[in-house]
Protein backbone atom coordinates (compact mmCIF):
# COMPACT_ATOMS: atom_id res chain seq x y z
CA MET A 1 0.08 0.12 0.09
CA GLU A 2 1.15 3.52 -0.76
CA GLU A 3 1.79 5.99 1.67
CA ILE A 4 -0.02 9.75 1.04
CA ASN A 5 1.06 12.70 2.69
CA ILE A 6 -0.69 15.50 2.54
CA GLN A 7 0.65 19.31 3.56
CA ILE A 8 -1.73 21.74 4.13
CA GLU A 9 -0.84 25.26 3.79
CA PRO A 10 -1.95 27.81 6.79
CA CYS A 11 -4.49 30.19 5.74
CA LYS A 12 -3.15 33.28 4.42
CA THR A 13 -5.51 36.44 5.13
CA TYR A 14 -4.99 39.67 3.66
CA SER A 15 -6.73 43.13 4.29
CA ARG A 16 -6.55 46.69 3.67
CA THR A 17 -7.79 49.48 5.97
CA TYR A 18 -8.22 53.16 4.38
CA PHE A 19 -7.53 55.90 6.84
CA SER A 20 -7.88 59.88 6.19
CA ASP A 21 -3.89 59.94 6.46
CA GLY A 22 -3.07 56.77 4.17
CA CYS A 23 -3.60 52.75 3.91
CA VAL A 24 -2.83 49.99 6.22
CA GLU A 25 -2.13 46.39 5.06
CA THR A 26 -2.71 43.40 7.26
CA THR A 27 -1.64 39.97 6.67
CA GLY A 28 -2.37 37.00 8.57
CA THR A 29 0.20 34.18 8.35
CA ASP A 30 -2.18 31.74 10.16
CA GLU A 31 -5.69 31.16 11.88
CA THR A 32 -4.12 30.59 15.17
CA ASP A 33 -2.19 34.09 14.90
CA LEU A 34 -5.58 36.11 13.58
CA LEU A 35 -7.37 34.30 16.88
CA ARG A 36 -4.68 35.33 19.26
CA GLY A 37 -4.83 38.77 17.59
CA GLU A 38 -1.20 38.62 16.12
CA SER A 39 -0.91 40.19 12.63
CA LYS A 40 1.52 42.31 10.62
CA THR A 41 0.58 45.77 9.53
CA ILE A 42 2.68 47.42 6.95
CA SER A 43 1.69 51.14 6.61
CA ASN A 44 1.79 52.98 3.32
CA GLU A 45 4.07 56.13 4.37
CA SER A 46 4.27 57.27 0.80
CA THR A 47 0.67 58.81 1.23
CA ASN A 48 1.43 60.29 4.71
CA ASP A 49 2.71 63.81 4.98
CA TRP A 50 3.71 66.08 7.60
CA ARG A 51 0.98 68.53 6.84
CA SER A 52 -2.00 65.58 7.42
CA TRP A 53 -0.45 64.41 10.44
CA LEU A 54 -0.04 67.72 12.26
CA LEU A 55 -3.50 68.58 11.29
CA LYS A 56 -4.91 65.22 12.52
CA GLN A 57 -2.63 65.34 15.86
CA SER A 58 -3.96 69.05 16.46
CA ALA A 59 -7.87 68.32 15.86
CA VAL A 60 -7.04 64.96 18.39
CA ILE A 61 -5.15 67.38 20.97
CA GLY A 62 -7.99 69.98 20.41
CA SER A 63 -10.72 68.04 21.14
CA SER A 64 -9.31 66.46 23.99
CA ALA A 65 -8.36 69.84 25.55
CA LEU A 66 -12.18 71.07 24.99
CA ASN A 67 -13.50 68.03 26.58
CA LYS A 68 -11.24 68.58 29.65
CA VAL A 69 -12.43 72.24 30.10
CA ASP A 70 -16.26 71.28 29.38
CA TYR A 71 -16.10 68.44 32.03
CA LEU A 72 -14.42 71.20 34.23
CA GLY A 73 -16.39 74.20 33.14
CA GLU A 74 -19.72 71.83 34.17
CA SER A 75 -18.04 70.53 37.38
CA LEU A 76 -17.41 74.05 38.46
CA ALA A 77 -20.63 75.36 37.64
CA ASN A 78 -22.39 72.68 39.32
CA PHE A 79 -20.33 73.07 42.47
CA PHE A 80 -21.21 76.79 42.56
CA GLY A 81 -24.97 76.41 41.94
CA ILE A 82 -25.01 78.45 38.79
CA THR A 83 -26.99 75.51 37.00
CA THR A 84 -30.09 75.86 39.37
CA PRO A 85 -32.64 78.32 38.02
CA LYS A 86 -32.83 81.65 39.18
CA TYR A 87 -35.81 81.77 41.12
CA GLN A 88 -36.27 78.46 42.13
CA PHE A 89 -36.12 79.47 45.83
CA GLU A 90 -39.73 81.46 45.03
CA ILE A 91 -41.19 78.67 42.91
CA ASN A 92 -40.32 76.33 46.30
CA TYR A 93 -41.78 78.84 48.90
CA HIS A 94 -44.99 79.41 46.19
CA ASN A 95 -45.54 75.57 46.11
CA ASN A 96 -45.24 75.43 50.07
CA ILE A 97 -47.49 77.85 50.56
CA MET A 98 -49.96 76.46 48.45
CA GLN A 99 -49.32 72.72 50.13
CA GLU A 100 -50.38 74.40 53.39
CA VAL A 101 -53.36 76.00 52.04
CA ASN A 102 -54.47 72.54 51.14
CA ALA A 103 -53.71 70.85 53.93
CA GLU A 104 -55.51 73.45 56.03
CA LYS A 105 -58.68 73.12 53.73
CA ILE A 106 -58.65 69.63 54.37
CA THR A 107 -58.62 69.73 58.11
CA ASN A 108 -61.08 72.33 58.03
CA GLU A 109 -63.39 70.20 56.11
CA GLU A 110 -62.52 66.95 58.41
CA ASN A 111 -63.19 69.03 61.45
CA MET A 112 -66.62 70.29 60.14
CA LYS A 113 -67.92 66.90 59.06
CA GLY A 114 -70.26 66.23 62.26
CA TRP A 115 -71.20 69.75 62.11
CA THR A 116 -74.38 70.39 59.99
CA GLN A 117 -76.62 73.18 60.21
CA GLN A 118 -80.14 72.14 60.89
CA PRO A 119 -82.76 74.20 58.52
CA GLN A 120 -84.58 76.71 60.38
CA LYS A 121 -87.67 76.28 60.98
CA CYS A 122 -90.09 79.46 60.24
CA THR A 123 -93.22 79.90 61.58
CA ILE A 124 -95.31 82.49 60.09
CA THR A 125 -98.18 83.62 62.38
CA THR A 126 -101.16 85.91 60.71
CA GLU A 127 -103.51 87.83 63.05
CA PRO A 128 -107.02 88.65 61.65
CA CYS A 129 -107.33 92.41 61.04
């Protein structure tokens, strides 16, 4: 009987990802490399120029600085109470007074439940003239 020897080549993958500042080519030599997250990346540096790189970096740094300053401003405004409405204390005072008036009406109605007025009987007497 003849012996058959089979060799299987590892799966080779190739992908290309396009970015605003260039192209990245990724090649995986084996399925296990892909599962482990190991891959070789080749950057196409011929399309990368300093002007686009600086523009990208300044945008990243600027947005990061803006996010930090925005967070700091919100934290300080919250700490000093600037975010609360201007006349909130007046609104709260009015609501408290209205609650007290309603509670007083309810207690007065409960106190007056047992007290009912009897209709007055009027007697009219007429005398002949």
